[in-house]
Protein backbone atom coordinates (compact mmCIF):
# COMPACT_ATOMS: atom_id res chain seq x y z
CA MET A 1 38.84 15.16 13.53
CA ASN A 2 35.25 15.19 12.31
CA GLN A 3 32.77 13.43 14.57
CA GLU A 4 31.30 10.22 13.11
CA HIS A 5 27.71 10.46 11.96
CA PRO A 6 25.36 8.40 14.21
CA PHE A 7 24.11 6.40 11.23
CA ALA A 8 27.62 5.36 10.15
CA GLN A 9 27.70 2.54 12.71
CA TYR A 10 24.88 0.73 10.96
CA ILE A 11 26.54 0.91 7.54
CA ARG A 12 29.74 -0.38 9.11
CA ILE A 13 27.98 -3.35 10.73
CA ILE A 14 26.49 -4.58 7.45
CA GLY A 15 29.25 -3.41 5.10
CA LYS A 16 32.62 -4.43 6.57
CA GLY A 17 33.05 -7.33 4.21
CA PRO A 18 32.30 -11.07 4.01
CA HIS A 19 34.10 -11.98 7.24
CA LEU A 20 33.51 -8.99 9.54
CA SER A 21 30.02 -7.82 8.58
CA ARG A 22 26.81 -9.19 10.09
CA PRO A 23 23.07 -8.55 9.84
CA LEU A 24 21.59 -5.89 12.08
CA THR A 25 19.65 -6.97 15.14
CA GLU A 26 15.98 -6.07 15.29
CA GLU A 27 16.75 -3.22 17.72
CA GLU A 28 19.60 -1.89 15.56
CA MET A 29 17.46 -1.92 12.44
CA GLN A 30 14.58 -0.24 14.24
CA ASP A 31 16.86 2.61 15.27
CA ALA A 32 18.42 2.81 11.80
CA ALA A 33 14.97 2.89 10.19
CA ARG A 34 13.77 5.50 12.67
CA MET A 35 16.63 7.75 11.54
CA ILE A 36 15.79 7.08 7.89
CA MET A 37 12.09 7.85 8.42
CA ALA A 38 13.00 11.07 10.26
CA GLY A 39 15.34 12.24 7.49
CA GLU A 40 18.37 12.10 9.77
CA VAL A 41 20.69 10.33 7.31
CA GLU A 42 22.77 11.72 4.47
CA PRO A 43 21.82 10.70 0.90
CA VAL A 44 25.13 8.88 0.39
CA GLN A 45 24.54 6.93 3.60
CA LEU A 46 21.06 5.92 2.54
CA GLY A 47 22.29 4.75 -0.86
CA ALA A 48 25.10 2.70 0.66
CA PHE A 49 22.80 1.17 3.26
CA LEU A 50 20.14 0.16 0.74
CA CYS A 51 22.62 -1.28 -1.75
CA VAL A 52 24.40 -3.44 0.83
CA LEU A 53 21.09 -4.83 2.06
CA ARG A 54 19.96 -5.48 -1.50
CA VAL A 55 23.12 -7.37 -2.45
CA ARG A 56 23.12 -9.43 0.75
CA THR A 57 19.31 -9.90 1.05
CA GLU A 58 17.38 -8.83 4.13
CA GLU A 59 17.10 -10.97 7.25
CA PRO A 60 13.81 -11.46 9.15
CA GLN A 61 14.99 -9.49 12.22
CA GLU A 62 15.91 -6.60 9.92
CA GLY A 63 12.48 -6.70 8.32
CA ALA A 64 10.84 -6.70 11.74
CA GLY A 65 12.95 -3.79 13.01
CA PHE A 66 12.30 -1.68 9.94
CA THR A 67 8.58 -2.44 10.01
CA ARG A 68 8.30 -1.46 13.68
CA ALA A 69 9.91 1.91 12.91
CA VAL A 70 7.51 2.48 10.01
CA ARG A 71 4.48 1.61 12.13
CA ALA A 72 5.67 3.97 14.86
CA SER A 73 5.62 6.80 12.32
CA PHE A 74 1.90 6.42 11.56
CA ALA A 75 -0.59 8.80 13.17
CA ILE A 76 -3.50 6.38 13.45
CA PRO A 77 -6.89 8.14 13.66
CA GLY A 78 -9.45 7.28 16.28
CA ASN A 79 -12.19 6.25 13.86
CA VAL A 80 -10.66 3.03 12.52
CA PRO A 81 -13.14 0.13 12.42
CA PRO A 82 -11.88 -3.43 12.99
CA VAL A 83 -10.01 -4.37 9.81
CA ASP A 84 -9.93 -8.03 8.81
CA LEU A 85 -7.31 -8.19 6.10
CA ASP A 86 -4.21 -6.21 5.13
CA TRP A 87 -3.54 -6.55 1.38
CA PRO A 88 -0.34 -5.01 -0.03
CA SER A 89 -0.09 -4.30 -3.77
CA TYR A 90 3.38 -3.13 -4.76
CA ALA A 91 4.42 -5.04 -7.90
CA GLY A 92 2.00 -4.00 -10.64
CA LYS A 93 0.91 -6.23 -13.51
CA SER A 94 2.48 -6.41 -16.96
CA ARG A 95 1.36 -9.72 -18.53
CA GLN A 96 -2.23 -9.94 -17.28
CA LEU A 97 -4.71 -7.38 -15.98
CA PRO A 98 -4.90 -7.02 -12.17
CA TRP A 99 -7.73 -9.50 -11.73
CA PHE A 100 -6.86 -9.77 -8.02
CA LEU A 101 -8.58 -6.43 -7.51
CA LEU A 102 -11.91 -8.04 -8.37
CA ALA A 103 -11.09 -10.76 -5.82
CA ALA A 104 -10.71 -8.03 -3.18
CA VAL A 105 -13.97 -6.38 -4.29
CA LEU A 106 -15.77 -9.73 -4.10
CA LEU A 107 -14.49 -10.40 -0.59
CA ALA A 108 -15.48 -6.90 0.52
CA GLN A 109 -19.00 -7.43 -0.80
CA ASN A 110 -19.12 -10.56 1.34
CA GLY A 111 -18.20 -8.83 4.57
CA VAL A 112 -14.38 -8.95 4.63
CA ARG A 113 -13.00 -5.53 5.55
CA ILE A 114 -9.80 -4.94 3.57
CA LEU A 115 -7.16 -2.22 3.60
CA MET A 116 -5.11 -2.35 0.42
CA HIS A 117 -1.98 -0.24 0.10
CA GLY A 118 0.66 0.03 -2.58
CA THR A 119 2.72 2.12 -4.91
CA GLU A 120 3.15 2.66 -8.62
CA GLY A 121 5.46 3.87 -11.35
CA HIS A 122 8.66 2.16 -10.26
CA THR A 123 8.66 -0.07 -13.38
CA GLU A 124 7.47 1.04 -16.81
CA GLY A 125 4.76 -0.82 -18.66
CA ARG A 126 2.84 -2.03 -15.62
CA ILE A 127 -0.70 -1.41 -14.41
CA TYR A 128 -0.93 -0.55 -10.73
CA ALA A 129 -3.74 -0.89 -8.22
CA ARG A 130 -4.54 2.80 -7.78
CA GLU A 131 -5.40 3.42 -11.44
CA ALA A 132 -7.29 0.17 -11.85
CA LEU A 133 -9.34 0.64 -8.67
CA GLU A 134 -10.30 4.14 -9.74
CA SER A 135 -11.59 2.69 -13.02
CA LEU A 136 -13.88 0.54 -10.86
CA GLY A 137 -15.16 3.58 -8.96
CA ILE A 138 -13.03 2.96 -5.87
CA PRO A 139 -11.07 6.13 -5.10
CA ARG A 140 -7.67 6.46 -3.47
CA SER A 141 -7.79 7.52 0.18
CA SER A 142 -5.27 10.29 0.72
CA THR A 143 -5.28 10.03 4.53
CA LEU A 144 -5.56 7.26 7.08
CA ALA A 145 -8.70 8.95 8.39
CA ASP A 146 -10.33 8.80 4.96
CA ALA A 147 -9.28 5.16 4.60
CA ALA A 148 -10.97 4.44 7.93
CA ARG A 149 -14.14 6.15 6.71
CA ARG A 150 -14.20 4.17 3.48
CA LEU A 151 -13.63 0.93 5.36
CA THR A 152 -16.66 1.70 7.50
CA GLU A 153 -18.80 2.53 4.47
CA ALA A 154 -17.60 0.05 1.85
CA ASN A 155 -15.33 -2.59 3.49
CA LEU A 156 -12.51 -1.71 1.05
CA ALA A 157 -10.03 1.17 0.99
CA PHE A 158 -6.83 1.80 -0.92
CA MET A 159 -3.95 3.98 0.22
CA HIS A 160 -0.98 5.00 -1.90
CA LEU A 161 2.35 4.63 -0.15
CA GLY A 162 3.13 8.25 -0.97
CA ASP A 163 0.22 9.32 1.21
CA MET A 164 0.65 6.68 3.88
CA ALA A 165 4.44 6.89 4.32
CA PRO A 166 5.94 9.61 2.06
CA ARG A 167 9.50 8.84 3.13
CA LEU A 168 9.20 5.25 1.96
CA GLN A 169 7.85 6.41 -1.39
CA GLU A 170 10.83 8.74 -1.76
CA ILE A 171 13.15 5.78 -1.23
CA ILE A 172 11.34 3.55 -3.72
CA ASP A 173 11.56 6.40 -6.22
CA LEU A 174 15.36 6.14 -6.03
CA LYS A 175 15.30 3.07 -8.29
CA PRO A 176 16.24 5.03 -11.45
CA VAL A 177 19.13 6.58 -9.51
CA LEU A 178 20.44 3.41 -7.84
CA GLY A 179 19.56 1.06 -10.68
CA LEU A 180 18.31 -1.44 -8.10
CA ARG A 181 15.06 -2.37 -6.45
CA SER A 182 15.15 -1.17 -2.86
CA PRO A 183 14.72 -3.41 0.19
CA VAL A 184 11.98 -0.92 1.13
CA ASN A 185 9.82 -2.64 -1.48
CA THR A 186 9.92 -5.65 0.84
CA PHE A 187 9.55 -3.77 4.11
CA ALA A 188 6.68 -1.50 3.00
CA ARG A 189 4.50 -4.52 2.23
CA MET A 190 4.54 -5.51 5.89
CA SER A 191 3.50 -2.14 7.35
CA ASN A 192 -0.12 -3.20 8.09
CA PRO A 193 -1.04 0.26 9.44
CA PHE A 194 -4.44 -0.73 10.86
CA ASP A 195 -3.11 -3.86 12.57
CA ALA A 196 -5.33 -6.30 10.70
CA PRO A 197 -5.09 -9.81 12.19
CA TYR A 198 -4.80 -11.36 8.71
CA SER A 199 -2.09 -10.29 6.29
CA LEU A 200 -1.50 -11.39 2.71
CA GLN A 201 1.85 -11.36 0.94
CA SER A 202 2.95 -12.34 -2.51
CA VAL A 203 6.42 -12.76 -3.96
CA THR A 204 8.05 -13.01 -7.35
CA HIS A 205 11.03 -15.01 -6.07
CA PRO A 206 10.10 -18.07 -3.95
CA ASN A 207 13.02 -17.61 -1.55
CA TYR A 208 11.29 -14.48 -0.21
CA ARG A 209 8.35 -16.55 1.09
CA ALA A 210 10.28 -17.60 4.19
CA LEU A 211 11.52 -14.04 4.75
CA HIS A 212 7.97 -12.69 4.89
CA ARG A 213 6.71 -15.48 7.10
CA ASP A 214 9.62 -15.32 9.56
CA THR A 215 9.40 -11.53 9.73
CA ALA A 216 5.68 -11.76 10.46
CA LYS A 217 6.40 -14.20 13.28
CA LEU A 218 8.88 -11.78 14.87
CA LEU A 219 6.29 -9.01 14.59
CA GLY A 220 3.68 -11.12 16.36
CA GLN A 221 1.38 -11.08 13.34
CA PRO A 222 -1.44 -13.51 14.31
CA HIS A 223 -2.12 -14.78 10.80
CA MET A 224 -0.32 -14.32 7.49
CA CYS A 225 0.06 -16.21 4.26
CA VAL A 226 2.41 -15.82 1.32
CA PHE A 227 2.63 -17.40 -2.11
CA LYS A 228 4.13 -16.73 -5.52
CA GLY A 229 1.44 -14.76 -7.28
CA ASP A 230 1.11 -13.54 -10.84
CA GLY A 231 3.58 -10.73 -11.44
CA GLY A 232 4.35 -10.56 -7.73
CA GLU A 233 0.80 -9.57 -6.77
CA VAL A 234 -1.59 -11.52 -4.53
CA GLU A 235 -3.22 -13.27 -7.48
CA ARG A 236 -3.55 -17.01 -7.96
CA ARG A 237 -2.02 -18.31 -11.19
CA PRO A 238 -4.73 -20.81 -12.13
CA HIS A 239 -2.51 -22.81 -14.50
CA LYS A 240 0.23 -23.38 -11.90
CA LEU A 241 0.58 -25.40 -8.72
CA VAL A 242 0.61 -22.90 -5.88
CA ILE A 243 2.50 -23.38 -2.60
CA VAL A 244 0.87 -21.32 0.15
CA GLN A 245 2.94 -20.82 3.29
CA SER A 246 0.97 -19.65 6.31
CA LEU A 247 1.49 -18.58 9.88
CA HIS A 248 -1.26 -19.00 12.47
CA ASP A 249 -0.52 -17.95 16.05
CA GLY A 250 3.17 -18.63 15.56
CA GLU A 251 2.71 -22.04 13.93
CA ALA A 252 3.99 -22.35 10.36
CA SER A 253 2.29 -24.52 7.76
CA GLU A 254 2.40 -25.14 4.04
CA GLU A 255 -0.21 -26.28 1.51
CA GLU A 256 -0.14 -27.14 -2.16
CA TRP A 257 -3.02 -25.99 -4.36
CA PRO A 258 -3.19 -27.91 -7.66
CA PRO A 259 -3.72 -26.04 -10.93
CA PHE A 260 -7.19 -25.49 -12.36
CA PHE A 261 -6.07 -26.51 -15.81
CA GLU A 262 -2.91 -27.97 -17.30
CA GLU A 263 -0.97 -25.48 -19.38
CA ASP A 264 2.75 -24.88 -19.27
CA ALA A 265 2.32 -21.17 -19.91
CA VAL A 266 -0.38 -18.60 -20.50
CA PRO A 267 0.53 -16.02 -23.15
CA PRO A 268 0.56 -12.35 -22.18
CA ASP A 269 -2.72 -10.52 -22.53
CA GLY A 270 -2.49 -8.46 -25.69
CA ASN A 271 -5.23 -6.06 -24.60
CA MET A 272 -4.32 -4.52 -21.25
CA ASP A 273 -7.37 -2.25 -21.18
CA ILE A 274 -8.41 -1.72 -17.57
CA SER A 275 -12.01 -1.08 -18.58
CA ARG A 276 -12.22 -4.85 -19.07
CA LEU A 277 -12.15 -5.26 -15.28
CA ALA A 278 -15.55 -3.59 -14.94
CA ALA A 279 -16.84 -5.39 -18.03
CA LEU A 280 -15.97 -8.77 -16.55
CA TRP A 281 -17.54 -7.80 -13.23
CA ARG A 282 -20.78 -6.83 -14.97
CA GLY A 283 -20.77 -10.09 -16.93
CA ASP A 284 -20.37 -8.33 -20.28
CA ALA A 285 -17.05 -9.92 -21.21
CA PRO A 286 -16.58 -13.47 -19.90
CA ASN A 287 -12.97 -14.56 -19.50
CA PRO A 288 -12.30 -18.10 -18.20
CA TYR A 289 -8.69 -17.38 -17.24
CA ALA A 290 -9.61 -14.20 -15.33
CA GLU A 291 -12.53 -15.86 -13.56
CA ALA A 292 -10.29 -18.76 -12.51
CA ALA A 293 -7.71 -16.30 -11.18
CA ILE A 294 -10.36 -14.42 -9.19
CA VAL A 295 -12.11 -17.49 -7.78
CA GLY A 296 -8.76 -19.14 -7.03
CA THR A 297 -7.48 -16.08 -5.18
CA VAL A 298 -10.67 -15.74 -3.15
CA ALA A 299 -10.53 -19.45 -2.29
CA ILE A 300 -7.00 -19.12 -0.89
CA VAL A 301 -8.10 -16.14 1.23
CA LEU A 302 -11.21 -17.93 2.54
CA ARG A 303 -9.17 -20.98 3.46
CA PHE A 304 -6.47 -18.83 5.07
CA MET A 305 -9.00 -16.85 7.12
CA GLY A 306 -10.77 -19.98 8.36
CA ARG A 307 -13.95 -19.16 6.43
CA ALA A 308 -13.83 -22.43 4.49
CA GLY A 309 -12.59 -25.94 5.17
CA GLY A 310 -10.49 -27.76 2.59
CA HIS A 311 -9.59 -26.75 -0.93
CA GLU A 312 -12.82 -27.94 -2.51
CA ASP A 313 -14.96 -26.22 0.11
CA ALA A 314 -13.04 -22.99 -0.39
CA LEU A 315 -13.30 -23.17 -4.18
CA ASN A 316 -17.04 -23.90 -4.01
CA ALA A 317 -17.62 -20.99 -1.64
CA ALA A 318 -15.57 -18.65 -3.81
CA GLY A 319 -17.39 -19.79 -6.94
CA GLN A 320 -20.75 -19.15 -5.33
CA MET A 321 -19.64 -15.68 -4.27
CA TRP A 322 -18.64 -14.93 -7.85
CA GLU A 323 -21.93 -16.16 -9.30
CA ARG A 324 -23.95 -14.19 -6.73
CA ARG A 325 -21.95 -10.94 -6.89
CA SER A 326 -23.78 -7.62 -7.16
CA ARG A 327 -22.92 -6.93 -10.78
CA ASP A 328 -24.27 -3.38 -10.78
CA ARG A 329 -21.80 -2.12 -8.17
CA THR A 330 -18.26 -2.72 -6.98
CA VAL A 331 -18.61 -1.50 -3.39
CA ALA A 332 -20.14 -3.26 -0.41
C-alpha cells in the first residue's frame, strides 16, 4: 500500500463533506502553508486545497496560520527603517484610474513611511499599481533590501508579489487554470513583511471585512482598518457612504463616513490613460472626482492612524496636504 502524502490530511480535514469536514486550526494551516511555500505538495493537492477553501470561504484562524507561514519565509534585511503603514494593492482598477496611488504619495510626502505590495495581470483590462507607480517615477523594488533603501530615502516603496513571495505569485497565476480566484489573494494582502504597526485593507465584498479584521486580531496586528474601496483597492468612493471597520490594540470599532456628493453611480472613466495621474498631481488636469477620492482616502488614513480627530478634522488636514503638495515631484 502506498504511504499517504503528509499534505493529504489537510485536504481531508476541509474536504470530507458538509457534516464531517471542518476548518483548519491556526497551527494546522500554518503547517499546511509551510508545505505549500516550500513546494512540498503535489499540483493536484494544491488545486484541491485551494478550491475547497474558495467554495467554503476562509476562516480567520486559517488566514492567520497561512500568513504566519508566509512571514516566516521572508528573509528580512537588517537595514529596514521603522515602517508606519502596510498598504496592499492586489485588485487593480478597471472603472477609474488608481487615484489611491496619489493618496499614498501625498502621505509619504507628509512623513508617513509606506510599504505597498501587490500583484498584477490576474484579470484582463485592469491597471495595476506597479505600472502606474512607474509612470509617476516610483520604481518597483525587486528585493526587500531595495525596498528598505527606498523607504529610507523616499518614505514609499512598492514590491511586486512575484519578487516578495514568488510561490504566492505562482499560485495566483493559477487562476486561468482553476477558473477561480485563489484564497491566496486574501492571504497575501495580510503578509505585512516589515511588520508595520498600521495596516490597510480593502475588499470588494463586504462580508470579507470581518475576515480581515478578525485575522488581524489573531495575528496581534496593533492597528488595522478595512473598508469597501473602489474596485477592491484602498480608495475612498467619494459618492458612497463608507463603513470603516478598525482594530486598535485588540478593540474593534466601526465608523460611517458620509458621501462627499450625492450620486447613485459614477460612470466608468472613458480615458484610462495613466499619464493623467501625473497631470493631476502637477495641477495640469483638475478632476473633482479624483481629488475627492484622494482627499477622502487620505482622511480615512489620518483618522485611522490617530493623526487627526473627527471626520471634519481629518478631511481638513487631508485637503490642506493636497493643496500644499510638492507638485514638481512625487517622492518625499
